């Protein structure tokens, strides 16, 4: 029994999970990918149909744009690359994930790319650098999970990075991951079955006009998502009405794209306010600590800075 039994492919496609140097890269290509496949098979009971894997380069760079409906998308989005000789995808992910103790070190060891939402230029530069070095870089152009499970508005980062790096921009759509773990719902750690369909499309034309490229990418992924859902229903049956994971337009209880957009904007405003508050509090603490150090005398000139450092480490 092979761990590839979790995946199926169109007739004639022969998956290859070894051969590329990335397949042996420690710790991402090995052993993490093998552990992930065990997780997919025995914990998630994954049944995943993959279409268009041949559109992922067997070698060399590409920017892979992935729709975002669930927290496991960064793992599922790497499956087509894995069957192209054991390649791996370096995903661009929000910086807050890298700030989590332990998780951040692991993400960095895989050469994923942290994105600071307040100032994303450093992540753009890093993505371009890694693409020019031959990596596959994954990006979620919607930036955050789509509560409506429809393709929402795109940011222009994918188009800009692909153009500046001179690499193909490949659309990848996933349908079904939101059933396992999505925004506002508890994760299902051992589902009876995880039913996924992944479609990889041909590269989208990239020009120096980032807006036009982004519009082409968005339209392509909307149409590709329709195809991916159709394939899902052909494989697993009709999507049931009234389910949380089914879009409103298809009879589900997910919010409409418009309703989800309102909530996203409210969340973004709340995050901005929280960042401003945290920055103000940090500045006040720094000023108070500076005054305390200035007023310290004798042995306290050594003890006060030491205590302040320990307190900062504890808060981390």
Protein backbone atom coordinates (compact mmCIF):
# COMPACT_ATOMS: atom_id res chain seq x y z
CA UNK A 1 0.00 0.00 0.00
CA UNK A 2 1.47 3.34 -1.07
CA UNK A 3 1.09 6.69 0.65
CA UNK A 4 0.18 7.98 -2.82
CA UNK A 5 -3.08 6.04 -2.48
CA UNK A 6 -4.51 9.23 -0.92
CA UNK A 7 -4.17 10.92 -4.33
CA UNK A 8 -5.63 10.23 -7.75
CA UNK A 9 -4.72 11.65 -11.15
CA UNK A 10 -6.19 11.72 -14.65
CA UNK A 11 -5.48 8.67 -16.80
CA UNK A 12 -2.01 8.83 -18.27
CA UNK A 13 -0.41 11.00 -15.60
CA UNK A 14 2.41 9.29 -13.74
CA UNK A 15 3.23 10.97 -10.41
CA UNK A 16 6.89 11.14 -9.48
CA UNK A 17 7.85 11.94 -5.89
CA UNK A 18 11.63 11.60 -6.13
CA UNK A 19 14.36 12.83 -8.43
CA UNK A 20 14.49 16.54 -7.69
CA UNK A 21 17.09 17.72 -5.19
CA UNK A 22 14.33 19.35 -3.13
CA UNK A 23 12.94 15.88 -2.33
CA UNK A 24 15.99 15.29 -0.10
CA UNK A 25 16.17 18.77 1.38
CA UNK A 26 16.27 18.62 5.19
CA UNK A 27 13.93 19.09 6.97
CA UNK A 28 11.29 20.08 4.37
CA UNK A 29 11.62 17.54 1.57
CA UNK A 30 12.69 14.95 4.12
CA UNK A 31 11.29 13.98 6.60
CA UNK A 32 8.45 16.56 6.80
CA UNK A 33 6.76 15.65 3.51
CA UNK A 34 6.74 11.97 4.44
CA UNK A 35 5.20 12.78 7.83
CA UNK A 36 2.59 14.96 6.11
CA UNK A 37 1.61 12.09 3.80
CA UNK A 38 1.18 9.80 6.81
CA UNK A 39 -1.01 12.49 8.39
CA UNK A 40 -3.05 12.85 5.21
CA UNK A 41 -3.66 9.12 4.93
CA UNK A 42 -4.17 7.95 8.50
CA UNK A 43 -5.43 11.04 10.31
CA UNK A 44 -7.26 13.04 7.64
CA UNK A 45 -8.30 10.04 5.54
CA UNK A 46 -7.56 12.15 2.51
CA UNK A 47 -9.15 11.45 -0.86
CA UNK A 48 -7.65 14.04 -3.18
CA UNK A 49 -8.01 14.25 -6.95
CA UNK A 50 -5.26 16.31 -8.62
CA UNK A 51 -5.65 17.76 -12.11
CA UNK A 52 -3.01 19.63 -14.10
CA UNK A 53 0.03 18.77 -11.98
CA UNK A 54 2.06 18.79 -15.20
CA UNK A 55 1.66 22.59 -15.24
CA UNK A 56 4.06 22.81 -12.27
CA UNK A 57 7.64 23.03 -13.61
CA UNK A 58 9.63 19.84 -12.98
CA UNK A 59 12.57 22.17 -12.38
CA UNK A 60 13.08 25.90 -12.10
CA UNK A 61 11.01 28.70 -10.59
CA UNK A 62 7.34 29.62 -10.67
CA UNK A 63 4.94 31.77 -8.68
CA UNK A 64 1.94 29.67 -7.62
CA UNK A 65 -1.25 31.58 -6.77
CA UNK A 66 -3.57 29.58 -4.49
CA UNK A 67 -7.13 30.35 -3.41
CA UNK A 68 -7.65 30.43 0.36
CA UNK A 69 -10.60 28.82 2.14
CA UNK A 70 -8.95 26.93 5.00
CA UNK A 71 -5.97 26.80 7.33
CA UNK A 72 -4.55 23.64 5.71
CA UNK A 73 -4.31 25.21 2.24
CA UNK A 74 -0.56 25.65 2.50
CA UNK A 75 -0.17 21.86 2.89
CA UNK A 76 -2.68 20.87 0.22
CA UNK A 77 -1.31 23.50 -2.14
CA UNK A 78 2.05 21.73 -2.13
CA UNK A 79 0.68 18.38 -3.32
CA UNK A 80 0.95 19.01 -7.10
CA UNK A 81 4.59 20.11 -6.71
CA UNK A 82 5.36 16.99 -4.68
CA UNK A 83 4.32 14.72 -7.55
CA UNK A 84 6.64 16.62 -9.89
CA UNK A 85 9.76 14.89 -8.63
CA UNK A 86 9.37 15.71 -4.95
CA UNK A 87 9.45 19.48 -5.31
CA UNK A 88 8.45 21.76 -2.43
CA UNK A 89 6.70 25.14 -2.32
CA UNK A 90 7.91 28.07 -0.20
CA UNK A 91 4.76 29.85 0.93
CA UNK A 92 4.39 33.51 1.77
CA UNK A 93 2.57 33.67 5.12
CA UNK A 94 1.68 36.36 7.62
CA UNK A 95 4.49 37.30 9.98
CA UNK A 96 2.39 36.47 13.04
CA UNK A 97 2.77 32.76 12.30
CA UNK A 98 6.55 33.11 12.41
CA UNK A 99 6.24 34.82 15.80
CA UNK A 100 4.75 31.66 17.37
CA UNK A 101 7.38 29.92 19.47
CA UNK A 102 8.62 26.76 17.74
CA UNK A 103 6.42 27.23 14.69
CA UNK A 104 8.45 30.19 13.48
CA UNK A 105 11.71 28.25 13.59
CA UNK A 106 10.12 25.40 11.64
CA UNK A 107 8.67 27.77 9.02
CA UNK A 108 12.05 29.43 8.60
CA UNK A 109 13.77 26.06 8.19
CA UNK A 110 11.44 25.38 5.25
CA UNK A 111 12.37 28.78 3.77
CA UNK A 112 8.79 30.01 3.86
CA UNK A 113 8.56 33.80 3.64
CA UNK A 114 7.13 36.01 6.43
CA UNK A 115 4.84 38.83 5.31
CA UNK A 116 4.49 41.97 7.41
CA UNK A 117 1.04 43.32 6.57
CA UNK A 118 2.07 46.82 7.60
CA UNK A 119 5.18 46.84 5.37
CA UNK A 120 5.42 44.01 2.86
CA UNK A 121 8.40 45.16 0.77
CA UNK A 122 10.88 42.90 2.57
CA UNK A 123 8.76 39.84 1.79
CA UNK A 124 8.46 40.89 -1.87
CA UNK A 125 12.25 41.23 -2.11
CA UNK A 126 12.77 37.84 -0.45
CA UNK A 127 10.26 36.13 -2.74
CA UNK A 128 11.99 37.56 -5.82
CA UNK A 129 15.36 36.42 -4.48
CA UNK A 130 14.12 32.87 -3.91
CA UNK A 131 12.41 32.70 -7.30
CA UNK A 132 15.61 33.81 -9.01
CA UNK A 133 17.36 31.01 -7.12
CA UNK A 134 14.97 28.50 -8.70
CA UNK A 135 12.33 28.02 -5.99
CA UNK A 136 8.60 27.52 -6.30
CA UNK A 137 6.93 30.27 -4.26
CA UNK A 138 3.30 30.02 -3.18
CA UNK A 139 1.11 33.03 -2.49
CA UNK A 140 -2.51 33.56 -1.45
CA UNK A 141 -3.54 36.59 -3.54
CA UNK A 142 -6.73 36.97 -1.49
CA UNK A 143 -4.39 37.60 1.50
CA UNK A 144 -6.82 36.10 4.03
CA UNK A 145 -9.26 33.20 4.13
CA UNK A 146 -12.42 33.75 2.09
CA UNK A 147 -15.36 33.39 4.46
CA UNK A 148 -17.73 33.11 1.50
CA UNK A 149 -15.64 30.31 -0.05
CA UNK A 150 -15.83 32.27 -3.29
CA UNK A 151 -12.78 33.82 -4.96
CA UNK A 152 -12.59 37.29 -3.44
CA UNK A 153 -10.67 40.41 -4.47
CA UNK A 154 -6.96 39.92 -5.18
CA UNK A 155 -4.01 42.02 -4.15
CA UNK A 156 -1.38 42.75 -6.80
CA UNK A 157 1.60 41.14 -5.07
CA UNK A 158 1.57 37.92 -7.10
CA UNK A 159 1.58 39.84 -10.39
CA UNK A 160 4.33 42.23 -9.30
CA UNK A 161 6.58 39.51 -7.94
CA UNK A 162 6.16 37.23 -10.96
CA UNK A 163 6.96 40.09 -13.34
CA UNK A 164 9.99 41.34 -11.43
CA UNK A 165 11.37 37.82 -11.05
CA UNK A 166 10.57 36.91 -14.66
CA UNK A 167 8.80 33.66 -13.77
CA UNK A 168 5.52 31.92 -14.73
CA UNK A 169 2.41 32.76 -12.69
CA UNK A 170 0.43 29.56 -12.16
CA UNK A 171 -3.17 29.44 -10.84
CA UNK A 172 -4.00 26.65 -8.38
CA UNK A 173 -7.49 26.11 -6.98
CA UNK A 174 -8.47 23.87 -4.06
CA UNK A 175 -12.00 22.86 -3.16
CA UNK A 176 -12.93 21.12 0.09
CA UNK A 177 -10.30 22.24 2.60
CA UNK A 178 -12.76 24.51 4.43
CA UNK A 179 -14.61 21.44 5.71
CA UNK A 180 -11.59 20.45 7.81
CA UNK A 181 -10.60 23.81 9.31
CA UNK A 182 -11.59 27.32 8.36
CA UNK A 183 -11.99 30.72 9.94
CA UNK A 184 -14.50 30.83 12.77
CA UNK A 185 -14.80 27.06 13.18
CA UNK A 186 -12.96 24.46 15.26
CA UNK A 187 -10.62 22.10 13.40
CA UNK A 188 -11.64 18.51 12.74
CA UNK A 189 -8.47 16.60 13.58
CA UNK A 190 -9.69 13.16 12.48
CA UNK A 191 -12.39 13.55 9.83
CA UNK A 192 -14.04 10.41 8.49
CA UNK A 193 -12.88 11.50 5.06
CA UNK A 194 -11.28 14.62 3.63
CA UNK A 195 -12.61 15.08 0.11
CA UNK A 196 -10.50 17.44 -2.00
CA UNK A 197 -10.08 18.38 -5.62
CA UNK A 198 -7.09 20.42 -6.76
CA UNK A 199 -6.74 21.96 -10.21
CA UNK A 200 -3.52 23.49 -11.53
CA UNK A 201 -3.99 25.70 -14.56
CA UNK A 202 -1.62 26.84 -17.27
CA UNK A 203 0.44 29.97 -16.57
CA UNK A 204 -1.35 33.31 -16.78
CA UNK A 205 0.17 35.99 -19.03
CA UNK A 206 2.33 38.34 -16.95
CA UNK A 207 3.08 41.90 -18.05
CA UNK A 208 4.44 45.02 -16.38
CA UNK A 209 0.83 46.15 -15.86
CA UNK A 210 0.22 44.56 -12.46
CA UNK A 211 -3.45 45.52 -12.37
CA UNK A 212 -4.17 43.92 -15.74
CA UNK A 213 -2.24 40.78 -14.78
CA UNK A 214 -4.12 40.58 -11.49
CA UNK A 215 -7.46 40.90 -13.28
CA UNK A 216 -6.47 38.08 -15.67
CA UNK A 217 -5.38 35.92 -12.75
CA UNK A 218 -8.61 36.60 -10.85
CA UNK A 219 -10.84 35.79 -13.82
CA UNK A 220 -8.84 32.65 -14.56
CA UNK A 221 -9.13 31.43 -10.98
CA UNK A 222 -12.88 32.17 -10.79
CA UNK A 223 -13.44 30.05 -13.91
CA UNK A 224 -11.01 27.41 -12.68
CA UNK A 225 -12.82 27.22 -9.33
CA UNK A 226 -16.09 26.53 -11.15
CA UNK A 227 -14.34 23.64 -12.92
CA UNK A 228 -12.81 22.40 -9.67
CA UNK A 229 -16.21 22.33 -7.95
CA UNK A 230 -17.71 20.53 -10.94
CA UNK A 231 -14.98 17.90 -10.68
CA UNK A 232 -15.62 17.64 -6.93
CA UNK A 233 -19.30 16.91 -7.49
CA UNK A 234 -18.52 14.40 -10.23
CA UNK A 235 -16.27 12.55 -7.79
CA UNK A 236 -18.08 12.92 -4.47
CA UNK A 237 -21.67 13.78 -5.38
CA UNK A 238 -23.77 16.97 -5.15
CA UNK A 239 -22.88 19.51 -2.48
CA UNK A 240 -25.59 19.38 0.21
CA UNK A 241 -27.83 22.39 0.77
CA UNK A 242 -27.67 24.24 4.07
CA UNK A 243 -24.08 23.30 4.96
CA UNK A 244 -21.66 25.89 6.39
CA UNK A 245 -18.95 25.02 3.86
CA UNK A 246 -21.14 25.52 0.78
CA UNK A 247 -21.31 29.03 -0.76
CA UNK A 248 -24.61 30.90 -0.46
CA UNK A 249 -25.00 30.93 -4.25
CA UNK A 250 -24.95 27.12 -4.22
CA UNK A 251 -27.48 26.76 -1.41
CA UNK A 252 -25.14 26.78 1.57
CA UNK A 253 -25.12 28.92 4.70
CA UNK A 254 -21.76 30.60 4.09
CA UNK A 255 -21.98 34.40 3.91
CA UNK A 256 -22.23 35.98 0.49
CA UNK A 257 -19.11 37.53 -1.01
CA UNK A 258 -20.49 40.99 -0.17
CA UNK A 259 -21.29 40.05 3.45
CA UNK A 260 -17.85 38.49 3.88
CA UNK A 261 -16.19 41.62 2.47
CA UNK A 262 -17.91 43.78 5.09
CA UNK A 263 -16.66 41.47 7.85
CA UNK A 264 -13.13 41.39 6.39
CA UNK A 265 -12.98 45.19 6.38
CA UNK A 266 -14.18 45.33 9.97
CA UNK A 267 -11.52 42.79 10.97
CA UNK A 268 -8.81 44.74 9.13
CA UNK A 269 -9.82 47.94 10.92
CA UNK A 270 -9.74 46.13 14.27
CA UNK A 271 -6.27 44.72 13.54
CA UNK A 272 -5.01 48.17 12.58
CA UNK A 273 -6.37 49.65 15.79
CA UNK A 274 -4.83 46.84 17.83
CA UNK A 275 -1.42 47.33 16.20
CA UNK A 276 -1.57 51.07 16.93
CA UNK A 277 -2.50 50.39 20.55
CA UNK A 278 0.29 47.83 20.97
CA UNK A 279 2.80 50.25 19.44
CA UNK A 280 1.71 53.04 21.81
CA UNK A 281 1.94 50.71 24.82
CA UNK A 282 5.40 49.54 23.75
CA UNK A 283 6.60 53.13 23.45
CA UNK A 284 5.28 53.93 26.93
CA UNK A 285 7.00 50.85 28.39
CA UNK A 286 10.26 51.73 26.68
CA UNK A 287 10.12 55.28 28.03
CA UNK A 288 9.35 54.04 31.56
CA UNK A 289 12.23 51.54 31.41
CA UNK A 290 14.61 54.23 30.17
CA UNK A 291 13.66 56.50 33.10
CA UNK A 292 14.14 53.62 35.54
CA UNK A 293 17.62 52.92 34.17
CA UNK A 294 18.57 56.60 34.34
CA UNK A 295 17.47 56.82 37.99
CA UNK A 296 19.25 53.62 39.05
CA UNK A 297 22.26 53.96 41.30
CA UNK A 298 24.90 51.60 42.67
CA UNK A 299 24.31 47.92 42.03
CA UNK A 300 20.90 48.74 40.56
CA UNK A 301 22.65 50.06 37.45
CA UNK A 302 23.33 46.39 36.71
CA UNK A 303 20.23 44.78 38.25
CA UNK A 304 17.58 47.04 36.69
CA UNK A 305 18.54 46.39 33.01
CA UNK A 306 18.88 42.68 33.83
CA UNK A 307 15.41 42.54 35.39
CA UNK A 308 13.91 44.44 32.46
CA UNK A 309 15.45 42.00 30.01
CA UNK A 310 14.13 39.00 31.95
CA UNK A 311 10.63 40.52 32.03
CA UNK A 312 10.69 41.04 28.25
CA UNK A 313 11.76 37.44 27.69
CA UNK A 314 8.96 36.19 29.95
CA UNK A 315 6.37 38.13 27.96
CA UNK A 316 7.54 36.44 24.77
